[in-house]
Amino acid sequence: MGNQATISREGTVTFAVVIVIDETFEPDLQNVNSLAFKNMTRRFLEFLIPLYQNRTGFLGIIFISYSGGSVVANVELLFNSSEPIPTVEEVRSPIAEARDNGSAPFTISSLKVTRKGESQDGFEAWKIGVAVCFAFVLLLLIFISAVVIVNGRKGKQTRYNLKDRRNSFDLDFDLFSSDGDKSNGIPNYAESFEMDERGDIYM
C-alpha cells in the first residue's frame, strides 16, 4: 500500500486532497524523477499512511503533483467502492487533527478535501441534476395551471357575453312584436309617422 504503481482505480472512490505546507518550493519538485520529489513524497507517505491504513476500505495514495505557493501537494486517497465509503469530513479529520495537535512532520497552512464526482460543497452531481429536473417540472406545472385558469376565465366571459346578447335579442323582439299594438310595439307609431311627413319632427 502506498506504491502508486500497483494501485488500480477500478472499483474505487477517490478523494482529492490539497495540502499546503510552510516550506520553500523547489523547482525540482515538479520533476517526478527528481530526488526532491521522491523525498517530499516519502515524507508525506510517512505522515499519511499511518492515518488511514486501518480505515475500512482504504486502498492507497497517489501523488499527483507539487506546485508553488509554499509547497502545495496535490494528493488522491483511494477507497474501495464496495466498502462503506467515508464522508469528506471523515477523510479530512485525521489530517486536521494532526495539524492541530502538532504531530504532523511539517506546518500545514491549508487543507482542502473533496470527493471526486461531487461539487466542492459536497453536493453530488446527480443530486444537482435531480434538483434541476424537479425545478423544470414545477415550472411546467405552474405554466400549465396559469394557461388553464386564463382559458377558464375567457370561457366564462364568453358565456356571459352570449347570455347578454340573448337577453338583448329578447328585448328587441318584444319591442317589435307586441300583440296589443298594431303599430309593431312602438307607441304612437302612426302619429309619429304622420308628423314626420309634415316635416315637423324627424325620428
N, C-alpha and C. Protein backbone atom coordinates (compact mmCIF):
# COMPACT_ATOMS: atom_id res chain seq x y z
N MET A 1 0.85 -1.20 0.00
CA MET A 1 0.00 0.00 0.00
C MET A 1 0.88 1.24 0.00
N GLY A 2 0.49 2.26 -0.85
CA GLY A 2 1.30 3.45 -0.95
C GLY A 2 2.19 3.42 -2.17
N ASN A 3 2.40 2.26 -2.78
CA ASN A 3 3.13 2.19 -4.04
C ASN A 3 2.14 2.40 -5.16
N GLN A 4 2.08 3.65 -5.68
CA GLN A 4 1.02 4.00 -6.61
C GLN A 4 1.09 3.23 -7.92
N ALA A 5 2.20 2.59 -8.22
CA ALA A 5 2.31 1.81 -9.44
C ALA A 5 1.42 0.57 -9.39
N THR A 6 1.05 0.12 -8.19
CA THR A 6 0.25 -1.10 -8.04
C THR A 6 -1.20 -0.80 -7.72
N ILE A 7 -1.59 0.47 -7.66
CA ILE A 7 -2.96 0.84 -7.28
C ILE A 7 -3.83 0.95 -8.54
N SER A 8 -4.91 0.19 -8.57
CA SER A 8 -5.87 0.27 -9.67
C SER A 8 -7.03 1.18 -9.26
N ARG A 9 -7.48 2.01 -10.19
CA ARG A 9 -8.58 2.92 -9.88
C ARG A 9 -9.94 2.25 -10.08
N GLU A 10 -9.95 1.07 -10.66
CA GLU A 10 -11.22 0.39 -10.91
C GLU A 10 -11.87 0.00 -9.59
N GLY A 11 -13.15 0.32 -9.47
CA GLY A 11 -13.88 0.00 -8.24
C GLY A 11 -13.47 0.82 -7.05
N THR A 12 -13.00 2.03 -7.30
CA THR A 12 -12.55 2.87 -6.20
C THR A 12 -13.33 4.17 -6.13
N VAL A 13 -13.28 4.79 -4.97
CA VAL A 13 -13.80 6.14 -4.76
C VAL A 13 -12.60 7.01 -4.42
N THR A 14 -12.48 8.14 -5.11
CA THR A 14 -11.28 8.97 -4.98
C THR A 14 -11.60 10.27 -4.25
N PHE A 15 -10.75 10.61 -3.30
CA PHE A 15 -10.82 11.90 -2.60
C PHE A 15 -9.58 12.71 -2.97
N ALA A 16 -9.80 13.90 -3.49
CA ALA A 16 -8.71 14.80 -3.83
C ALA A 16 -8.34 15.62 -2.60
N VAL A 17 -7.07 15.57 -2.24
CA VAL A 17 -6.60 16.27 -1.05
C VAL A 17 -5.52 17.28 -1.47
N VAL A 18 -5.70 18.51 -1.06
CA VAL A 18 -4.71 19.56 -1.32
C VAL A 18 -4.18 20.04 0.03
N ILE A 19 -2.88 19.82 0.25
CA ILE A 19 -2.23 20.21 1.50
C ILE A 19 -1.15 21.24 1.19
N VAL A 20 -1.21 22.37 1.86
CA VAL A 20 -0.19 23.41 1.70
C VAL A 20 0.65 23.43 2.97
N ILE A 21 1.97 23.28 2.79
CA ILE A 21 2.88 23.30 3.94
C ILE A 21 3.83 24.50 3.83
N ASP A 22 4.23 24.99 4.97
CA ASP A 22 5.09 26.19 5.01
C ASP A 22 6.55 25.81 4.81
N GLU A 23 6.89 25.51 3.58
CA GLU A 23 8.28 25.23 3.22
C GLU A 23 8.57 25.88 1.87
N THR A 24 9.82 26.11 1.60
CA THR A 24 10.21 26.75 0.35
C THR A 24 10.06 25.77 -0.82
N PHE A 25 9.41 26.24 -1.85
CA PHE A 25 9.19 25.38 -3.02
C PHE A 25 10.45 25.31 -3.86
N GLU A 26 10.81 24.09 -4.25
CA GLU A 26 11.95 23.87 -5.14
C GLU A 26 11.44 23.46 -6.52
N PRO A 27 11.99 24.04 -7.58
CA PRO A 27 11.54 23.68 -8.94
C PRO A 27 11.64 22.19 -9.22
N ASP A 28 12.59 21.49 -8.60
CA ASP A 28 12.75 20.05 -8.83
C ASP A 28 11.54 19.25 -8.35
N LEU A 29 10.71 19.84 -7.51
CA LEU A 29 9.51 19.14 -7.04
C LEU A 29 8.52 18.89 -8.18
N GLN A 30 8.68 19.59 -9.29
CA GLN A 30 7.81 19.38 -10.45
C GLN A 30 8.28 18.22 -11.33
N ASN A 31 9.44 17.68 -11.02
CA ASN A 31 10.00 16.55 -11.77
C ASN A 31 9.82 15.28 -10.95
N VAL A 32 8.99 14.38 -11.41
CA VAL A 32 8.66 13.18 -10.63
C VAL A 32 9.88 12.26 -10.46
N ASN A 33 10.89 12.45 -11.28
CA ASN A 33 12.09 11.60 -11.18
C ASN A 33 13.19 12.23 -10.33
N SER A 34 12.94 13.45 -9.84
CA SER A 34 13.98 14.14 -9.08
C SER A 34 14.05 13.62 -7.65
N LEU A 35 15.19 13.83 -7.02
CA LEU A 35 15.37 13.44 -5.63
C LEU A 35 14.46 14.26 -4.72
N ALA A 36 14.26 15.54 -5.07
CA ALA A 36 13.40 16.41 -4.26
C ALA A 36 11.97 15.88 -4.24
N PHE A 37 11.48 15.45 -5.40
CA PHE A 37 10.11 14.90 -5.49
C PHE A 37 10.00 13.63 -4.65
N LYS A 38 10.97 12.75 -4.79
CA LYS A 38 10.92 11.47 -4.07
C LYS A 38 11.02 11.68 -2.56
N ASN A 39 11.86 12.59 -2.12
CA ASN A 39 12.00 12.86 -0.69
C ASN A 39 10.72 13.47 -0.10
N MET A 40 10.13 14.41 -0.84
CA MET A 40 8.89 15.03 -0.36
C MET A 40 7.77 13.99 -0.31
N THR A 41 7.70 13.15 -1.32
CA THR A 41 6.67 12.11 -1.35
C THR A 41 6.84 11.13 -0.19
N ARG A 42 8.08 10.77 0.10
CA ARG A 42 8.34 9.87 1.22
C ARG A 42 7.88 10.50 2.53
N ARG A 43 8.10 11.77 2.73
CA ARG A 43 7.68 12.46 3.94
C ARG A 43 6.16 12.45 4.08
N PHE A 44 5.49 12.70 2.96
CA PHE A 44 4.02 12.69 3.00
C PHE A 44 3.49 11.29 3.25
N LEU A 45 4.12 10.28 2.64
CA LEU A 45 3.68 8.91 2.87
C LEU A 45 3.86 8.50 4.33
N GLU A 46 4.96 8.85 4.91
CA GLU A 46 5.21 8.52 6.32
C GLU A 46 4.22 9.23 7.24
N PHE A 47 3.69 10.35 6.78
CA PHE A 47 2.69 11.08 7.56
C PHE A 47 1.28 10.53 7.33
N LEU A 48 0.93 10.27 6.08
CA LEU A 48 -0.46 9.93 5.74
C LEU A 48 -0.81 8.45 5.93
N ILE A 49 0.10 7.56 5.58
CA ILE A 49 -0.23 6.13 5.64
C ILE A 49 -0.70 5.70 7.04
N PRO A 50 0.01 6.08 8.12
CA PRO A 50 -0.47 5.69 9.45
C PRO A 50 -1.85 6.24 9.80
N LEU A 51 -2.23 7.35 9.18
CA LEU A 51 -3.53 7.96 9.48
C LEU A 51 -4.68 7.17 8.88
N TYR A 52 -4.43 6.47 7.77
CA TYR A 52 -5.52 5.84 7.04
C TYR A 52 -5.40 4.32 6.89
N GLN A 53 -4.28 3.74 7.20
CA GLN A 53 -4.07 2.33 6.87
C GLN A 53 -5.05 1.38 7.57
N ASN A 54 -5.58 1.79 8.69
CA ASN A 54 -6.55 0.95 9.40
C ASN A 54 -8.00 1.36 9.13
N ARG A 55 -8.18 2.29 8.24
CA ARG A 55 -9.54 2.73 7.89
C ARG A 55 -10.17 1.73 6.93
N THR A 56 -11.44 1.43 7.16
CA THR A 56 -12.15 0.47 6.32
C THR A 56 -12.17 0.93 4.87
N GLY A 57 -11.76 0.06 3.97
CA GLY A 57 -11.83 0.35 2.54
C GLY A 57 -10.67 1.14 1.99
N PHE A 58 -9.74 1.56 2.83
CA PHE A 58 -8.61 2.36 2.33
C PHE A 58 -7.69 1.50 1.46
N LEU A 59 -7.35 2.02 0.26
CA LEU A 59 -6.51 1.28 -0.69
C LEU A 59 -5.12 1.87 -0.86
N GLY A 60 -5.01 3.18 -0.86
CA GLY A 60 -3.69 3.76 -1.06
C GLY A 60 -3.74 5.22 -1.41
N ILE A 61 -2.56 5.77 -1.74
CA ILE A 61 -2.40 7.20 -2.01
C ILE A 61 -1.67 7.37 -3.34
N ILE A 62 -2.14 8.31 -4.11
CA ILE A 62 -1.47 8.67 -5.37
C ILE A 62 -1.06 10.14 -5.28
N PHE A 63 0.20 10.42 -5.54
CA PHE A 63 0.69 11.80 -5.55
C PHE A 63 0.60 12.32 -6.98
N ILE A 64 -0.18 13.37 -7.15
CA ILE A 64 -0.41 13.94 -8.48
C ILE A 64 0.68 14.94 -8.84
N SER A 65 0.91 15.91 -7.98
CA SER A 65 1.92 16.94 -8.29
C SER A 65 2.21 17.78 -7.06
N TYR A 66 3.29 18.54 -7.18
CA TYR A 66 3.63 19.59 -6.21
C TYR A 66 3.70 20.90 -7.00
N SER A 67 3.22 21.96 -6.38
CA SER A 67 3.26 23.26 -7.05
C SER A 67 3.66 24.33 -6.05
N GLY A 68 3.97 25.50 -6.58
CA GLY A 68 4.47 26.59 -5.75
C GLY A 68 3.39 27.31 -4.99
N GLY A 69 3.86 28.22 -4.11
CA GLY A 69 2.99 28.93 -3.19
C GLY A 69 3.20 28.25 -1.86
N SER A 70 4.40 28.41 -1.27
CA SER A 70 4.97 27.47 -0.29
C SER A 70 5.10 26.15 -1.05
N VAL A 71 4.67 25.03 -0.45
CA VAL A 71 4.63 23.76 -1.18
C VAL A 71 3.20 23.26 -1.15
N VAL A 72 2.61 23.14 -2.33
CA VAL A 72 1.23 22.69 -2.47
C VAL A 72 1.25 21.26 -2.97
N ALA A 73 0.82 20.32 -2.15
CA ALA A 73 0.79 18.90 -2.52
C ALA A 73 -0.61 18.53 -2.96
N ASN A 74 -0.71 18.01 -4.20
CA ASN A 74 -1.98 17.52 -4.73
C ASN A 74 -1.96 15.99 -4.67
N VAL A 75 -2.79 15.47 -3.78
CA VAL A 75 -2.77 14.04 -3.47
C VAL A 75 -4.17 13.46 -3.66
N GLU A 76 -4.23 12.17 -3.99
CA GLU A 76 -5.51 11.48 -4.07
C GLU A 76 -5.49 10.27 -3.15
N LEU A 77 -6.55 10.13 -2.35
CA LEU A 77 -6.73 8.98 -1.47
C LEU A 77 -7.80 8.09 -2.07
N LEU A 78 -7.50 6.80 -2.22
CA LEU A 78 -8.41 5.86 -2.86
C LEU A 78 -9.02 4.91 -1.83
N PHE A 79 -10.35 4.73 -1.96
CA PHE A 79 -11.09 3.82 -1.09
C PHE A 79 -11.88 2.84 -1.95
N ASN A 80 -12.08 1.65 -1.41
CA ASN A 80 -12.83 0.61 -2.10
C ASN A 80 -14.31 0.99 -2.15
N SER A 81 -14.87 1.02 -3.35
CA SER A 81 -16.26 1.43 -3.51
C SER A 81 -17.25 0.39 -2.99
N SER A 82 -16.79 -0.86 -2.80
CA SER A 82 -17.68 -1.91 -2.29
C SER A 82 -17.73 -1.91 -0.76
N GLU A 83 -16.91 -1.09 -0.13
CA GLU A 83 -16.90 -0.95 1.33
C GLU A 83 -17.66 0.32 1.71
N PRO A 84 -18.02 0.45 2.97
CA PRO A 84 -18.64 1.72 3.40
C PRO A 84 -17.72 2.90 3.06
N ILE A 85 -18.27 3.86 2.33
CA ILE A 85 -17.45 4.97 1.83
C ILE A 85 -17.45 6.10 2.86
N PRO A 86 -16.27 6.58 3.24
CA PRO A 86 -16.21 7.67 4.23
C PRO A 86 -16.73 8.98 3.64
N THR A 87 -17.12 9.87 4.52
CA THR A 87 -17.51 11.21 4.09
C THR A 87 -16.28 12.07 3.90
N VAL A 88 -16.46 13.22 3.32
CA VAL A 88 -15.36 14.16 3.14
C VAL A 88 -14.76 14.54 4.50
N GLU A 89 -15.62 14.75 5.48
CA GLU A 89 -15.14 15.14 6.81
C GLU A 89 -14.36 14.01 7.46
N GLU A 90 -14.78 12.77 7.24
CA GLU A 90 -14.06 11.63 7.80
C GLU A 90 -12.68 11.47 7.18
N VAL A 91 -12.53 11.87 5.93
CA VAL A 91 -11.23 11.82 5.28
C VAL A 91 -10.37 13.00 5.74
N ARG A 92 -10.99 14.12 5.94
CA ARG A 92 -10.26 15.34 6.29
C ARG A 92 -9.78 15.35 7.76
N SER A 93 -10.61 14.82 8.65
CA SER A 93 -10.37 14.99 10.08
C SER A 93 -9.03 14.44 10.57
N PRO A 94 -8.52 13.27 10.09
CA PRO A 94 -7.22 12.80 10.62
C PRO A 94 -6.07 13.77 10.34
N ILE A 95 -6.08 14.37 9.15
CA ILE A 95 -5.02 15.33 8.81
C ILE A 95 -5.19 16.60 9.64
N ALA A 96 -6.45 17.05 9.77
CA ALA A 96 -6.71 18.27 10.54
C ALA A 96 -6.32 18.08 12.00
N GLU A 97 -6.58 16.91 12.56
CA GLU A 97 -6.22 16.65 13.96
C GLU A 97 -4.70 16.65 14.13
N ALA A 98 -3.99 16.03 13.18
CA ALA A 98 -2.52 16.02 13.25
C ALA A 98 -1.96 17.43 13.11
N ARG A 99 -2.59 18.24 12.29
CA ARG A 99 -2.18 19.64 12.15
C ARG A 99 -2.38 20.39 13.46
N ASP A 100 -3.53 20.17 14.07
CA ASP A 100 -3.88 20.93 15.27
C ASP A 100 -3.10 20.49 16.51
N ASN A 101 -2.78 19.20 16.62
CA ASN A 101 -2.09 18.72 17.81
C ASN A 101 -0.56 18.71 17.65
N GLY A 102 -0.08 19.13 16.46
CA GLY A 102 1.35 19.26 16.26
C GLY A 102 2.08 17.98 15.90
N SER A 103 1.36 16.89 15.62
CA SER A 103 2.01 15.63 15.30
C SER A 103 2.42 15.52 13.83
N ALA A 104 1.97 16.46 12.99
CA ALA A 104 2.37 16.45 11.58
C ALA A 104 3.85 16.82 11.47
N PRO A 105 4.58 16.22 10.52
CA PRO A 105 6.02 16.49 10.38
C PRO A 105 6.33 17.83 9.73
N PHE A 106 5.32 18.59 9.38
CA PHE A 106 5.52 19.91 8.80
C PHE A 106 4.34 20.80 9.21
N THR A 107 4.51 22.09 9.01
CA THR A 107 3.43 23.03 9.36
C THR A 107 2.44 23.12 8.21
N ILE A 108 1.21 22.73 8.47
CA ILE A 108 0.16 22.75 7.44
C ILE A 108 -0.59 24.07 7.54
N SER A 109 -0.52 24.85 6.48
CA SER A 109 -1.19 26.16 6.49
C SER A 109 -2.56 26.11 5.83
N SER A 110 -2.80 25.09 5.03
CA SER A 110 -4.10 24.99 4.35
C SER A 110 -4.39 23.53 4.05
N LEU A 111 -5.67 23.17 4.14
CA LEU A 111 -6.10 21.79 3.88
C LEU A 111 -7.47 21.81 3.21
N LYS A 112 -7.57 21.09 2.11
CA LYS A 112 -8.84 21.02 1.40
C LYS A 112 -9.05 19.59 0.90
N VAL A 113 -10.25 19.06 1.15
CA VAL A 113 -10.58 17.69 0.73
C VAL A 113 -11.91 17.71 0.00
N THR A 114 -11.95 17.11 -1.18
CA THR A 114 -13.20 16.96 -1.93
C THR A 114 -13.28 15.55 -2.49
N ARG A 115 -14.49 15.07 -2.61
CA ARG A 115 -14.69 13.77 -3.24
C ARG A 115 -14.89 13.98 -4.72
N LYS A 116 -14.14 13.26 -5.53
CA LYS A 116 -14.28 13.40 -6.98
C LYS A 116 -15.66 12.91 -7.40
N GLY A 117 -16.27 13.71 -8.31
CA GLY A 117 -17.64 13.40 -8.70
C GLY A 117 -18.65 14.20 -7.91
N GLU A 118 -18.20 14.94 -6.93
CA GLU A 118 -19.04 15.83 -6.16
C GLU A 118 -18.60 17.26 -6.40
N SER A 119 -19.54 18.19 -6.26
CA SER A 119 -19.16 19.60 -6.28
C SER A 119 -18.42 19.90 -4.99
N GLN A 120 -17.77 21.04 -4.92
CA GLN A 120 -16.90 21.34 -3.80
C GLN A 120 -17.65 21.52 -2.49
N ASP A 121 -18.93 21.80 -2.54
CA ASP A 121 -19.67 21.92 -1.29
C ASP A 121 -20.24 20.58 -0.84
N GLY A 122 -19.86 19.49 -1.55
CA GLY A 122 -20.28 18.16 -1.13
C GLY A 122 -21.60 17.71 -1.70
N PHE A 123 -22.18 18.53 -2.58
CA PHE A 123 -23.47 18.17 -3.17
C PHE A 123 -23.20 17.40 -4.46
N GLU A 124 -23.60 16.13 -4.52
CA GLU A 124 -23.24 15.29 -5.63
C GLU A 124 -23.87 15.77 -6.93
N ALA A 125 -23.19 15.47 -8.05
CA ALA A 125 -23.63 15.95 -9.35
C ALA A 125 -25.01 15.41 -9.70
N TRP A 126 -25.28 14.14 -9.36
CA TRP A 126 -26.59 13.57 -9.71
C TRP A 126 -27.71 14.24 -8.93
N LYS A 127 -27.40 14.70 -7.71
CA LYS A 127 -28.41 15.40 -6.94
C LYS A 127 -28.73 16.76 -7.56
N ILE A 128 -27.71 17.41 -8.10
CA ILE A 128 -27.93 18.67 -8.81
C ILE A 128 -28.83 18.45 -10.02
N GLY A 129 -28.56 17.36 -10.76
CA GLY A 129 -29.38 17.03 -11.92
C GLY A 129 -30.83 16.79 -11.54
N VAL A 130 -31.06 16.06 -10.46
CA VAL A 130 -32.42 15.79 -9.99
C VAL A 130 -33.11 17.09 -9.59
N ALA A 131 -32.38 17.96 -8.90
CA ALA A 131 -32.96 19.24 -8.47
C ALA A 131 -33.35 20.10 -9.67
N VAL A 132 -32.50 20.11 -10.70
CA VAL A 132 -32.81 20.89 -11.91
C VAL A 132 -34.05 20.34 -12.60
N CYS A 133 -34.13 19.01 -12.71
CA CYS A 133 -35.30 18.38 -13.35
C CYS A 133 -36.57 18.68 -12.56
N PHE A 134 -36.48 18.61 -11.25
CA PHE A 134 -37.65 18.89 -10.40
C PHE A 134 -38.11 20.34 -10.59
N ALA A 135 -37.14 21.26 -10.63
CA ALA A 135 -37.48 22.67 -10.82
C ALA A 135 -38.15 22.89 -12.18
N PHE A 136 -37.65 22.19 -13.21
CA PHE A 136 -38.24 22.34 -14.55
C PHE A 136 -39.68 21.84 -14.56
N VAL A 137 -39.91 20.67 -13.94
CA VAL A 137 -41.27 20.10 -13.89
C VAL A 137 -42.20 21.04 -13.13
N LEU A 138 -41.71 21.61 -12.03
CA LEU A 138 -42.52 22.53 -11.23
C LEU A 138 -42.92 23.76 -12.04
N LEU A 139 -41.95 24.33 -12.76
CA LEU A 139 -42.25 25.49 -13.61
C LEU A 139 -43.24 25.14 -14.70
N LEU A 140 -43.12 23.93 -15.27
CA LEU A 140 -44.05 23.49 -16.31
C LEU A 140 -45.46 23.37 -15.76
N LEU A 141 -45.60 22.82 -14.55
CA LEU A 141 -46.92 22.68 -13.93
C LEU A 141 -47.53 24.05 -13.64
N ILE A 142 -46.69 24.99 -13.18
CA ILE A 142 -47.19 26.35 -12.92
C ILE A 142 -47.68 26.99 -14.21
N PHE A 143 -46.92 26.80 -15.29
CA PHE A 143 -47.31 27.38 -16.59
C PHE A 143 -48.64 26.79 -17.07
N ILE A 144 -48.76 25.45 -16.97
CA ILE A 144 -50.00 24.79 -17.41
C ILE A 144 -51.18 25.27 -16.58
N SER A 145 -50.98 25.40 -15.27
CA SER A 145 -52.06 25.88 -14.40
C SER A 145 -52.50 27.29 -14.78
N ALA A 146 -51.52 28.15 -15.09
CA ALA A 146 -51.84 29.53 -15.48
C ALA A 146 -52.64 29.55 -16.77
N VAL A 147 -52.25 28.70 -17.74
CA VAL A 147 -52.98 28.64 -19.02
C VAL A 147 -54.41 28.18 -18.79
N VAL A 148 -54.60 27.16 -17.94
CA VAL A 148 -55.95 26.65 -17.66
C VAL A 148 -56.81 27.71 -17.01
N ILE A 149 -56.24 28.46 -16.05
CA ILE A 149 -57.00 29.50 -15.36
C ILE A 149 -57.42 30.60 -16.32
N VAL A 150 -56.47 31.05 -17.17
CA VAL A 150 -56.78 32.11 -18.14
C VAL A 150 -57.85 31.67 -19.12
N ASN A 151 -57.74 30.45 -19.63
CA ASN A 151 -58.73 29.93 -20.58
C ASN A 151 -60.09 29.78 -19.91
N GLY A 152 -60.10 29.38 -18.63
CA GLY A 152 -61.35 29.25 -17.90
C GLY A 152 -62.06 30.58 -17.75
N ARG A 153 -61.27 31.63 -17.47
CA ARG A 153 -61.86 32.97 -17.34
C ARG A 153 -62.40 33.47 -18.67
N LYS A 154 -61.66 33.18 -19.75
CA LYS A 154 -62.14 33.59 -21.07
C LYS A 154 -63.44 32.88 -21.43
N GLY A 155 -63.53 31.58 -21.06
CA GLY A 155 -64.74 30.82 -21.36
C GLY A 155 -65.93 31.36 -20.61
N LYS A 156 -65.70 31.73 -19.31
CA LYS A 156 -66.79 32.28 -18.52
C LYS A 156 -67.24 33.62 -19.09
N GLN A 157 -66.29 34.45 -19.52
CA GLN A 157 -66.64 35.75 -20.09
C GLN A 157 -67.42 35.57 -21.38
N THR A 158 -67.05 34.59 -22.18
CA THR A 158 -67.77 34.32 -23.43
C THR A 158 -69.20 33.90 -23.14
N ARG A 159 -69.41 33.06 -22.12
CA ARG A 159 -70.78 32.64 -21.77
C ARG A 159 -71.62 33.82 -21.32
N TYR A 160 -71.01 34.72 -20.53
CA TYR A 160 -71.74 35.91 -20.09
C TYR A 160 -72.12 36.79 -21.29
N ASN A 161 -71.20 36.96 -22.25
CA ASN A 161 -71.49 37.77 -23.43
C ASN A 161 -72.63 37.17 -24.23
N LEU A 162 -72.64 35.83 -24.38
CA LEU A 162 -73.71 35.17 -25.11
C LEU A 162 -75.05 35.37 -24.40
N LYS A 163 -75.01 35.28 -23.06
CA LYS A 163 -76.23 35.48 -22.29
C LYS A 163 -76.75 36.90 -22.44
N ASP A 164 -75.85 37.90 -22.42
CA ASP A 164 -76.25 39.30 -22.58
C ASP A 164 -76.84 39.54 -23.96
N ARG A 165 -76.21 38.90 -24.98
CA ARG A 165 -76.73 39.07 -26.34
C ARG A 165 -78.13 38.45 -26.46
N ARG A 166 -78.35 37.30 -25.82
CA ARG A 166 -79.66 36.65 -25.88
C ARG A 166 -80.71 37.52 -25.20
N ASN A 167 -80.38 38.11 -24.04
CA ASN A 167 -81.32 38.99 -23.35
C ASN A 167 -81.63 40.22 -24.19
N SER A 168 -80.59 40.76 -24.87
CA SER A 168 -80.80 41.93 -25.71
C SER A 168 -81.71 41.58 -26.88
N PHE A 169 -81.52 40.39 -27.44
CA PHE A 169 -82.38 39.96 -28.56
C PHE A 169 -83.82 39.82 -28.10
N ASP A 170 -84.04 39.27 -26.90
CA ASP A 170 -85.40 39.12 -26.38
C ASP A 170 -86.07 40.47 -26.22
N LEU A 171 -85.31 41.47 -25.74
CA LEU A 171 -85.89 42.80 -25.57
C LEU A 171 -86.28 43.39 -26.91
N ASP A 172 -85.39 43.26 -27.90
CA ASP A 172 -85.69 43.79 -29.23
C ASP A 172 -86.89 43.10 -29.83
N PHE A 173 -87.00 41.78 -29.63
CA PHE A 173 -88.11 41.04 -30.19
C PHE A 173 -89.42 41.48 -29.56
N ASP A 174 -89.42 41.67 -28.23
CA ASP A 174 -90.62 42.14 -27.54
C ASP A 174 -91.03 43.52 -28.03
N LEU A 175 -90.03 44.35 -28.33
CA LEU A 175 -90.33 45.71 -28.75
C LEU A 175 -91.05 45.74 -30.08
N PHE A 176 -90.65 44.84 -30.99
CA PHE A 176 -91.22 44.88 -32.33
C PHE A 176 -92.31 43.84 -32.55
N SER A 177 -92.74 43.09 -31.53
CA SER A 177 -93.77 42.07 -31.73
C SER A 177 -94.83 42.12 -30.65
N SER A 178 -95.21 43.32 -30.20
CA SER A 178 -96.25 43.45 -29.18
C SER A 178 -97.59 43.07 -29.78
N ASP A 179 -98.31 42.16 -29.11
CA ASP A 179 -99.61 41.71 -29.61
C ASP A 179 -100.69 42.75 -29.38
N GLY A 180 -100.48 43.64 -28.45
CA GLY A 180 -101.52 44.60 -28.10
C GLY A 180 -101.47 45.87 -28.91
N ASP A 181 -100.52 46.03 -29.81
CA ASP A 181 -100.37 47.27 -30.56
C ASP A 181 -100.14 46.94 -32.00
N LYS A 182 -101.00 47.32 -32.89
CA LYS A 182 -100.88 47.04 -34.31
C LYS A 182 -99.74 47.80 -34.95
N SER A 183 -99.21 48.77 -34.25
CA SER A 183 -98.11 49.54 -34.81
C SER A 183 -96.78 48.92 -34.43
N ASN A 184 -96.70 47.54 -34.34
CA ASN A 184 -95.47 46.78 -34.13
C ASN A 184 -94.76 47.11 -32.82
N GLY A 185 -95.55 47.41 -31.79
CA GLY A 185 -94.99 47.58 -30.47
C GLY A 185 -94.41 48.96 -30.21
N ILE A 186 -94.48 49.89 -31.14
CA ILE A 186 -93.94 51.23 -30.91
C ILE A 186 -95.10 52.15 -30.63
N PRO A 187 -95.21 52.69 -29.41
CA PRO A 187 -96.34 53.59 -29.07
C PRO A 187 -96.38 54.79 -30.01
N ASN A 188 -97.68 55.13 -30.43
CA ASN A 188 -97.92 56.32 -31.25
C ASN A 188 -97.13 56.28 -32.55
N TYR A 189 -96.92 55.06 -33.09
CA TYR A 189 -96.11 54.92 -34.29
C TYR A 189 -96.74 55.66 -35.47
N ALA A 190 -98.07 55.50 -35.64
CA ALA A 190 -98.75 56.15 -36.77
C ALA A 190 -98.69 57.66 -36.63
N GLU A 191 -98.93 58.14 -35.40
CA GLU A 191 -98.91 59.58 -35.16
C GLU A 191 -97.53 60.16 -35.45
N SER A 192 -96.51 59.46 -35.04
CA SER A 192 -95.15 59.93 -35.27
C SER A 192 -94.84 59.96 -36.75
N PHE A 193 -95.32 58.96 -37.49
CA PHE A 193 -95.05 58.90 -38.91
C PHE A 193 -95.71 60.05 -39.64
N GLU A 194 -96.97 60.39 -39.21
CA GLU A 194 -97.67 61.49 -39.84
C GLU A 194 -96.96 62.81 -39.59
N MET A 195 -96.48 63.02 -38.39
CA MET A 195 -95.77 64.25 -38.08
C MET A 195 -94.47 64.33 -38.87
N ASP A 196 -93.88 63.18 -39.13
CA ASP A 196 -92.64 63.15 -39.89
C ASP A 196 -92.90 63.61 -41.33
N GLU A 197 -94.05 63.16 -41.90
CA GLU A 197 -94.36 63.53 -43.26
C GLU A 197 -94.62 65.04 -43.39
N ARG A 198 -95.13 65.68 -42.33
CA ARG A 198 -95.38 67.12 -42.37
C ARG A 198 -94.08 67.89 -42.22
N GLY A 199 -93.00 67.21 -41.83
CA GLY A 199 -91.73 67.89 -41.73
C GLY A 199 -91.51 68.56 -40.42
N ASP A 200 -92.42 68.30 -39.43
CA ASP A 200 -92.27 68.97 -38.16
C ASP A 200 -91.23 68.29 -37.27
N ILE A 201 -91.19 66.96 -37.30
CA ILE A 201 -90.31 66.18 -36.40
C ILE A 201 -89.66 65.09 -37.20
N TYR A 202 -88.34 64.85 -36.94
CA TYR A 202 -87.60 63.73 -37.58
C TYR A 202 -87.33 62.65 -36.54
N MET A 203 -87.71 61.45 -36.90
CA MET A 203 -87.46 60.32 -35.99
C MET A 203 -86.01 59.90 -36.11
